[in-house]
């Protein structure tokens, strides 16, 4: 499974705990803050790519752009064959 989007909550928010119990935050491979909002001067990380164990995250980034009020989260995923 892959879940992506603006979840309007920072990583420590209690409402995200049920998601994090089942899915992995793709950003965790990066080790940087991954701030996405607001795009011009990000102070919060509220946008995510979450993946199940079926995927390995190869890379994750937050490109600098003001095309939206949020910066995008880009994740390169590898499907784990069984």
PDB file of N, CA and C in Angstrom:
ATOM      1  N   UNK A   1       0.836  -1.181   0.000  1.00  0.00           N
ATOM      2  CA  UNK A   1       0.000   0.000   0.000  1.00  0.00           C
ATOM      3  C   UNK A   1       0.877   1.239   0.000  1.00  0.00           C
ATOM      4  N   UNK A   2       0.379   2.281  -0.637  1.00  0.00           N
ATOM      5  CA  UNK A   2       1.031   3.588  -0.648  1.00  0.00           C
ATOM      6  C   UNK A   2      -0.035   4.621  -0.304  1.00  0.00           C
ATOM      7  N   UNK A   3       0.255   5.474   0.659  1.00  0.00           N
ATOM      8  CA  UNK A   3      -0.631   6.570   1.023  1.00  0.00           C
ATOM      9  C   UNK A   3       0.185   7.848   0.949  1.00  0.00           C
ATOM     10  N   UNK A   4      -0.280   8.800   0.148  1.00  0.00           N
ATOM     11  CA  UNK A   4       0.449  10.055  -0.024  1.00  0.00           C
ATOM     12  C   UNK A   4      -0.499  11.217   0.177  1.00  0.00           C
ATOM     13  N   UNK A   5       0.027  12.309   0.725  1.00  0.00           N
ATOM     14  CA  UNK A   5      -0.791  13.508   0.779  1.00  0.00           C
ATOM     15  C   UNK A   5      -0.494  14.428   1.936  1.00  0.00           C
ATOM     16  N   UNK A   6      -1.273  15.498   1.973  1.00  0.00           N
ATOM     17  CA  UNK A   6      -1.242  16.495   3.032  1.00  0.00           C
ATOM     18  C   UNK A   6      -2.125  15.972   4.156  1.00  0.00           C
ATOM     19  N   UNK A   7      -1.516  15.550   5.251  1.00  0.00           N
ATOM     20  CA  UNK A   7      -2.272  14.985   6.363  1.00  0.00           C
ATOM     21  C   UNK A   7      -2.550  16.015   7.456  1.00  0.00           C
ATOM     22  N   UNK A   8      -2.103  17.257   7.237  1.00  0.00           N
ATOM     23  CA  UNK A   8      -2.367  18.365   8.169  1.00  0.00           C
ATOM     24  C   UNK A   8      -1.990  18.056   9.609  1.00  0.00           C
ATOM     25  N   UNK A   9      -0.947  17.268   9.794  1.00  0.00           N
ATOM     26  CA  UNK A   9      -0.470  16.943  11.141  1.00  0.00           C
ATOM     27  C   UNK A   9       1.027  16.664  11.067  1.00  0.00           C
ATOM     28  N   UNK A  10       1.741  17.102  12.095  1.00  0.00           N
ATOM     29  CA  UNK A  10       3.177  16.853  12.142  1.00  0.00           C
ATOM     30  C   UNK A  10       3.444  15.419  12.612  1.00  0.00           C
ATOM     31  N   UNK A  11       4.638  14.896  12.369  1.00  0.00           N
ATOM     32  CA  UNK A  11       4.921  13.477  12.644  1.00  0.00           C
ATOM     33  C   UNK A  11       4.625  13.014  14.069  1.00  0.00           C
ATOM     34  N   UNK A  12       4.700  13.891  15.031  1.00  0.00           N
ATOM     35  CA  UNK A  12       4.460  13.499  16.425  1.00  0.00           C
ATOM     36  C   UNK A  12       2.983  13.556  16.826  1.00  0.00           C
ATOM     37  N   UNK A  13       2.112  13.954  15.917  1.00  0.00           N
ATOM     38  CA  UNK A  13       0.684  14.086  16.234  1.00  0.00           C
ATOM     39  C   UNK A  13       0.069  12.725  16.549  1.00  0.00           C
ATOM     40  N   UNK A  14      -0.700  12.663  17.612  1.00  0.00           N
ATOM     41  CA  UNK A  14      -1.321  11.403  18.035  1.00  0.00           C
ATOM     42  C   UNK A  14      -2.249  10.821  16.975  1.00  0.00           C
ATOM     43  N   UNK A  15      -2.890  11.674  16.187  1.00  0.00           N
ATOM     44  CA  UNK A  15      -3.821  11.176  15.176  1.00  0.00           C
ATOM     45  C   UNK A  15      -3.126  10.407  14.052  1.00  0.00           C
ATOM     46  N   UNK A  16      -1.816  10.560  13.927  1.00  0.00           N
ATOM     47  CA  UNK A  16      -1.081   9.812  12.904  1.00  0.00           C
ATOM     48  C   UNK A  16      -0.600   8.450  13.408  1.00  0.00           C
ATOM     49  N   UNK A  17      -0.627   8.226  14.698  1.00  0.00           N
ATOM     50  CA  UNK A  17      -0.118   6.975  15.283  1.00  0.00           C
ATOM     51  C   UNK A  17      -0.726   5.725  14.653  1.00  0.00           C
ATOM     52  N   UNK A  18      -2.044   5.671  14.394  1.00  0.00           N
ATOM     53  CA  UNK A  18      -2.596   4.468  13.758  1.00  0.00           C
ATOM     54  C   UNK A  18      -2.023   4.212  12.356  1.00  0.00           C
ATOM     55  N   UNK A  19      -1.741   5.278  11.621  1.00  0.00           N
ATOM     56  CA  UNK A  19      -1.134   5.104  10.293  1.00  0.00           C
ATOM     57  C   UNK A  19       0.303   4.609  10.423  1.00  0.00           C
ATOM     58  N   UNK A  20       1.065   5.234  11.326  1.00  0.00           N
ATOM     59  CA  UNK A  20       2.465   4.852  11.502  1.00  0.00           C
ATOM     60  C   UNK A  20       2.609   3.447  12.085  1.00  0.00           C
ATOM     61  N   UNK A  21       1.571   2.924  12.699  1.00  0.00           N
ATOM     62  CA  UNK A  21       1.609   1.553  13.214  1.00  0.00           C
ATOM     63  C   UNK A  21       1.576   0.535  12.078  1.00  0.00           C
ATOM     64  N   UNK A  22       1.026   0.934  10.927  1.00  0.00           N
ATOM     65  CA  UNK A  22       0.886   0.008   9.800  1.00  0.00           C
ATOM     66  C   UNK A  22       1.769   0.363   8.607  1.00  0.00           C
ATOM     67  N   UNK A  23       2.135   1.632   8.492  1.00  0.00           N
ATOM     68  CA  UNK A  23       2.882   2.110   7.329  1.00  0.00           C
ATOM     69  C   UNK A  23       4.168   2.803   7.766  1.00  0.00           C
ATOM     70  N   UNK A  24       5.151   2.802   6.871  1.00  0.00           N
ATOM     71  CA  UNK A  24       6.442   3.428   7.137  1.00  0.00           C
ATOM     72  C   UNK A  24       6.503   4.788   6.453  1.00  0.00           C
ATOM     73  N   UNK A  25       7.037   5.752   7.147  1.00  0.00           N
ATOM     74  CA  UNK A  25       7.217   7.095   6.610  1.00  0.00           C
ATOM     75  C   UNK A  25       8.429   7.075   5.680  1.00  0.00           C
ATOM     76  N   UNK A  26       8.209   7.326   4.399  1.00  0.00           N
ATOM     77  CA  UNK A  26       9.299   7.288   3.420  1.00  0.00           C
ATOM     78  C   UNK A  26      10.397   8.284   3.760  1.00  0.00           C
ATOM     79  N   UNK A  27      10.037   9.356   4.420  1.00  0.00           N
ATOM     80  CA  UNK A  27      11.026  10.389   4.721  1.00  0.00           C
ATOM     81  C   UNK A  27      12.079   9.909   5.710  1.00  0.00           C
ATOM     82  N   UNK A  28      11.818   8.877   6.473  1.00  0.00           N
ATOM     83  CA  UNK A  28      12.749   8.428   7.512  1.00  0.00           C
ATOM     84  C   UNK A  28      14.112   8.030   6.955  1.00  0.00           C
ATOM     85  N   UNK A  29      14.209   7.707   5.667  1.00  0.00           N
ATOM     86  CA  UNK A  29      15.506   7.349   5.078  1.00  0.00           C
ATOM     87  C   UNK A  29      16.394   8.569   4.884  1.00  0.00           C
ATOM     88  N   UNK A  30      15.806   9.757   4.894  1.00  0.00           N
ATOM     89  CA  UNK A  30      16.558  10.965   4.584  1.00  0.00           C
ATOM     90  C   UNK A  30      17.335  11.516   5.766  1.00  0.00           C
ATOM     91  N   UNK A  31      16.727  11.552   6.934  1.00  0.00           N
ATOM     92  CA  UNK A  31      17.416  12.049   8.110  1.00  0.00           C
ATOM     93  C   UNK A  31      17.403  13.555   8.279  1.00  0.00           C
ATOM     94  N   UNK A  32      16.743  14.274   7.392  1.00  0.00           N
ATOM     95  CA  UNK A  32      16.619  15.724   7.509  1.00  0.00           C
ATOM     96  C   UNK A  32      15.186  16.062   7.900  1.00  0.00           C
ATOM     97  N   UNK A  33      14.910  17.327   8.238  1.00  0.00           N
ATOM     98  CA  UNK A  33      13.564  17.676   8.715  1.00  0.00           C
ATOM     99  C   UNK A  33      12.433  17.464   7.707  1.00  0.00           C
ATOM    100  N   UNK A  34      12.663  17.653   6.418  1.00  0.00           N
ATOM    101  CA  UNK A  34      11.618  17.427   5.420  1.00  0.00           C
ATOM    102  C   UNK A  34      10.456  18.391   5.515  1.00  0.00           C
ATOM    103  N   UNK A  35      10.734  19.614   5.871  1.00  0.00           N
ATOM    104  CA  UNK A  35       9.681  20.614   6.037  1.00  0.00           C
ATOM    105  C   UNK A  35       9.025  20.940   4.698  1.00  0.00           C
ATOM    106  N   UNK A  36       7.698  21.015   4.699  1.00  0.00           N
ATOM    107  CA  UNK A  36       6.954  21.186   3.444  1.00  0.00           C
ATOM    108  C   UNK A  36       5.989  22.360   3.432  1.00  0.00           C
ATOM    109  N   UNK A  37       5.706  22.947   4.593  1.00  0.00           N
ATOM    110  CA  UNK A  37       4.670  23.977   4.634  1.00  0.00           C
ATOM    111  C   UNK A  37       5.061  25.108   5.575  1.00  0.00           C
ATOM    112  N   UNK A  38       4.813  26.350   5.139  1.00  0.00           N
ATOM    113  CA  UNK A  38       4.414  26.827   3.820  1.00  0.00           C
ATOM    114  C   UNK A  38       5.589  26.777   2.840  1.00  0.00           C
ATOM    115  N   UNK A  39       5.302  26.696   1.575  1.00  0.00           N
ATOM    116  CA  UNK A  39       6.327  26.473   0.551  1.00  0.00           C
ATOM    117  C   UNK A  39       7.416  27.543   0.545  1.00  0.00           C
ATOM    118  N   UNK A  40       7.048  28.794   0.756  1.00  0.00           N
ATOM    119  CA  UNK A  40       8.041  29.874   0.672  1.00  0.00           C
ATOM    120  C   UNK A  40       9.061  29.836   1.807  1.00  0.00           C
ATOM    121  N   UNK A  41       8.648  29.409   2.984  1.00  0.00           N
ATOM    122  CA  UNK A  41       9.544  29.328   4.138  1.00  0.00           C
ATOM    123  C   UNK A  41       9.041  28.219   5.065  1.00  0.00           C
ATOM    124  N   UNK A  42       9.278  26.960   4.685  1.00  0.00           N
ATOM    125  CA  UNK A  42       8.680  25.833   5.414  1.00  0.00           C
ATOM    126  C   UNK A  42       9.076  25.773   6.886  1.00  0.00           C
ATOM    127  N   UNK A  43       8.069  25.546   7.717  1.00  0.00           N
ATOM    128  CA  UNK A  43       8.273  25.410   9.155  1.00  0.00           C
ATOM    129  C   UNK A  43       7.659  24.121   9.700  1.00  0.00           C
ATOM    130  N   UNK A  44       6.863  23.428   8.876  1.00  0.00           N
ATOM    131  CA  UNK A  44       6.176  22.212   9.322  1.00  0.00           C
ATOM    132  C   UNK A  44       6.343  21.093   8.302  1.00  0.00           C
ATOM    133  N   UNK A  45       6.299  19.865   8.798  1.00  0.00           N
ATOM    134  CA  UNK A  45       6.258  18.694   7.911  1.00  0.00           C
ATOM    135  C   UNK A  45       4.891  18.057   8.087  1.00  0.00           C
ATOM    136  N   UNK A  46       4.019  18.318   7.112  1.00  0.00           N
ATOM    137  CA  UNK A  46       2.648  17.800   7.187  1.00  0.00           C
ATOM    138  C   UNK A  46       2.261  17.028   5.925  1.00  0.00           C
ATOM    139  N   UNK A  47       3.214  16.847   5.021  1.00  0.00           N
ATOM    140  CA  UNK A  47       2.972  16.122   3.768  1.00  0.00           C
ATOM    141  C   UNK A  47       3.811  14.851   3.779  1.00  0.00           C
ATOM    142  N   UNK A  48       3.216  13.747   3.350  1.00  0.00           N
ATOM    143  CA  UNK A  48       3.841  12.442   3.559  1.00  0.00           C
ATOM    144  C   UNK A  48       3.716  11.519   2.357  1.00  0.00           C
ATOM    145  N   UNK A  49       4.652  10.577   2.305  1.00  0.00           N
ATOM    146  CA  UNK A  49       4.533   9.362   1.506  1.00  0.00           C
ATOM    147  C   UNK A  49       4.712   8.233   2.517  1.00  0.00           C
ATOM    148  N   UNK A  50       3.665   7.444   2.708  1.00  0.00           N
ATOM    149  CA  UNK A  50       3.690   6.320   3.648  1.00  0.00           C
ATOM    150  C   UNK A  50       3.562   5.028   2.854  1.00  0.00           C
ATOM    151  N   UNK A  51       4.354   4.029   3.211  1.00  0.00           N
ATOM    152  CA  UNK A  51       4.362   2.781   2.446  1.00  0.00           C
ATOM    153  C   UNK A  51       4.289   1.568   3.368  1.00  0.00           C
ATOM    154  N   UNK A  52       3.742   0.489   2.832  1.00  0.00           N
ATOM    155  CA  UNK A  52       3.691  -0.777   3.567  1.00  0.00           C
ATOM    156  C   UNK A  52       5.014  -1.522   3.384  1.00  0.00           C
ATOM    157  N   UNK A  53       5.115  -2.679   4.018  1.00  0.00           N
ATOM    158  CA  UNK A  53       6.328  -3.497   3.928  1.00  0.00           C
ATOM    159  C   UNK A  53       6.595  -4.016   2.520  1.00  0.00           C
ATOM    160  N   UNK A  54       5.634  -3.896   1.618  1.00  0.00           N
ATOM    161  CA  UNK A  54       5.826  -4.345   0.234  1.00  0.00           C
ATOM    162  C   UNK A  54       6.818  -3.466  -0.519  1.00  0.00           C
ATOM    163  N   UNK A  55       7.182  -2.321   0.064  1.00  0.00           N
ATOM    164  CA  UNK A  55       8.060  -1.372  -0.613  1.00  0.00           C
ATOM    165  C   UNK A  55       9.278  -1.060   0.234  1.00  0.00           C
ATOM    166  N   UNK A  56      10.388  -0.831  -0.468  1.00  0.00           N
ATOM    167  CA  UNK A  56      11.601  -0.308   0.156  1.00  0.00           C
ATOM    168  C   UNK A  56      11.788   1.097  -0.387  1.00  0.00           C
ATOM    169  N   UNK A  57      12.110   2.025   0.470  1.00  0.00           N
ATOM    170  CA  UNK A  57      12.326   3.406   0.050  1.00  0.00           C
ATOM    171  C   UNK A  57      13.789   3.563  -0.327  1.00  0.00           C
ATOM    172  N   UNK A  58      14.033   3.896  -1.573  1.00  0.00           N
ATOM    173  CA  UNK A  58      15.406   4.086  -2.053  1.00  0.00           C
ATOM    174  C   UNK A  58      15.885   5.508  -1.756  1.00  0.00           C
ATOM    175  N   UNK A  59      14.990   6.492  -1.913  1.00  0.00           N
ATOM    176  CA  UNK A  59      15.361   7.893  -1.685  1.00  0.00           C
ATOM    177  C   UNK A  59      14.102   8.709  -1.441  1.00  0.00           C
ATOM    178  N   UNK A  60      14.278   9.838  -0.767  1.00  0.00           N
ATOM    179  CA  UNK A  60      13.167  10.771  -0.546  1.00  0.00           C
ATOM    180  C   UNK A  60      13.730  12.186  -0.556  1.00  0.00           C
ATOM    181  N   UNK A  61      12.947  13.111  -1.107  1.00  0.00           N
ATOM    182  CA  UNK A  61      13.392  14.503  -1.165  1.00  0.00           C
ATOM    183  C   UNK A  61      12.191  15.440  -1.124  1.00  0.00           C
ATOM    184  N   UNK A  62      12.484  16.697  -0.806  1.00  0.00           N
ATOM    185  CA  UNK A  62      11.485  17.761  -0.839  1.00  0.00           C
ATOM    186  C   UNK A  62      12.058  18.853  -1.742  1.00  0.00           C
ATOM    187  N   UNK A  63      11.682  18.854  -3.027  1.00  0.00           N
ATOM    188  CA  UNK A  63      12.203  19.864  -3.949  1.00  0.00           C
ATOM    189  C   UNK A  63      11.746  21.273  -3.565  1.00  0.00           C
ATOM    190  N   UNK A  64      12.617  22.240  -3.811  1.00  0.00           N
ATOM    191  CA  UNK A  64      12.285  23.639  -3.550  1.00  0.00           C
ATOM    192  C   UNK A  64      11.467  24.168  -4.718  1.00  0.00           C
ATOM    193  N   UNK A  65      10.212  24.517  -4.441  1.00  0.00           N
ATOM    194  CA  UNK A  65       9.327  25.103  -5.442  1.00  0.00           C
ATOM    195  C   UNK A  65       8.197  25.816  -4.720  1.00  0.00           C
ATOM    196  N   UNK A  66       7.666  26.838  -5.361  1.00  0.00           N
ATOM    197  CA  UNK A  66       6.497  27.533  -4.817  1.00  0.00           C
ATOM    198  C   UNK A  66       5.320  27.383  -5.781  1.00  0.00           C
ATOM    199  N   UNK A  67       5.257  26.254  -6.472  1.00  0.00           N
ATOM    200  CA  UNK A  67       4.159  25.978  -7.401  1.00  0.00           C
ATOM    201  C   UNK A  67       2.842  25.789  -6.655  1.00  0.00           C
ATOM    202  N   UNK A  68       2.921  25.533  -5.352  1.00  0.00           N
ATOM    203  CA  UNK A  68       1.751  25.335  -4.496  1.00  0.00           C
ATOM    204  C   UNK A  68       2.066  25.988  -3.155  1.00  0.00           C
ATOM    205  N   UNK A  69       1.139  25.944  -2.226  1.00  0.00           N
ATOM    206  CA  UNK A  69       1.432  26.457  -0.887  1.00  0.00           C
ATOM    207  C   UNK A  69       2.211  25.436  -0.049  1.00  0.00           C
ATOM    208  N   UNK A  70       2.365  24.216  -0.566  1.00  0.00           N
ATOM    209  CA  UNK A  70       3.168  23.164   0.063  1.00  0.00           C
ATOM    210  C   UNK A  70       4.287  22.770  -0.898  1.00  0.00           C
ATOM    211  N   UNK A  71       5.426  22.359  -0.357  1.00  0.00           N
ATOM    212  CA  UNK A  71       6.462  21.752  -1.191  1.00  0.00           C
ATOM    213  C   UNK A  71       6.120  20.279  -1.375  1.00  0.00           C
ATOM    214  N   UNK A  72       6.459  19.712  -2.518  1.00  0.00           N
ATOM    215  CA  UNK A  72       6.151  18.298  -2.755  1.00  0.00           C
ATOM    216  C   UNK A  72       7.116  17.371  -2.014  1.00  0.00           C
ATOM    217  N   UNK A  73       6.652  16.164  -1.771  1.00  0.00           N
ATOM    218  CA  UNK A  73       7.508  15.103  -1.242  1.00  0.00           C
ATOM    219  C   UNK A  73       7.669  14.092  -2.369  1.00  0.00           C
ATOM    220  N   UNK A  74       8.910  13.790  -2.710  1.00  0.00           N
ATOM    221  CA  UNK A  74       9.204  12.837  -3.779  1.00  0.00           C
ATOM    222  C   UNK A  74       9.880  11.625  -3.151  1.00  0.00           C
ATOM    223  N   UNK A  75       9.371  10.449  -3.450  1.00  0.00           N
ATOM    224  CA  UNK A  75       9.970   9.221  -2.918  1.00  0.00           C
ATOM    225  C   UNK A  75      10.204   8.242  -4.056  1.00  0.00           C
ATOM    226  N   UNK A  76      11.379   7.643  -4.053  1.00  0.00           N
ATOM    227  CA  UNK A  76      11.701   6.591  -5.014  1.00  0.00           C
ATOM    228  C   UNK A  76      11.542   5.264  -4.280  1.00  0.00           C
ATOM    229  N   UNK A  77      10.601   4.456  -4.769  1.00  0.00           N
ATOM    230  CA  UNK A  77      10.251   3.203  -4.104  1.00  0.00           C
ATOM    231  C   UNK A  77      10.650   2.004  -4.948  1.00  0.00           C
ATOM    232  N   UNK A  78      10.987   0.920  -4.277  1.00  0.00           N
ATOM    233  CA  UNK A  78      11.289  -0.344  -4.939  1.00  0.00           C
ATOM    234  C   UNK A  78      10.299  -1.370  -4.412  1.00  0.00           C
ATOM    235  N   UNK A  79       9.610  -2.031  -5.327  1.00  0.00           N
ATOM    236  CA  UNK A  79       8.663  -3.074  -4.939  1.00  0.00           C
ATOM    237  C   UNK A  79       9.446  -4.311  -4.525  1.00  0.00           C
ATOM    238  N   UNK A  80       9.150  -4.846  -3.367  1.00  0.00           N
ATOM    239  CA  UNK A  80       9.837  -6.048  -2.884  1.00  0.00           C
ATOM    240  C   UNK A  80       9.135  -7.275  -3.465  1.00  0.00           C
ATOM    241  N   UNK A  81       9.836  -8.022  -4.275  1.00  0.00           N
ATOM    242  CA  UNK A  81       9.237  -9.239  -4.831  1.00  0.00           C
ATOM    243  C   UNK A  81       9.237 -10.324  -3.763  1.00  0.00           C
ATOM    244  N   UNK A  82       8.260 -11.183  -3.832  1.00  0.00           N
ATOM    245  CA  UNK A  82       8.134 -12.233  -2.812  1.00  0.00           C
ATOM    246  C   UNK A  82       8.669 -13.534  -3.308  1.00  0.00           C
TER     247      UNK A  82
END
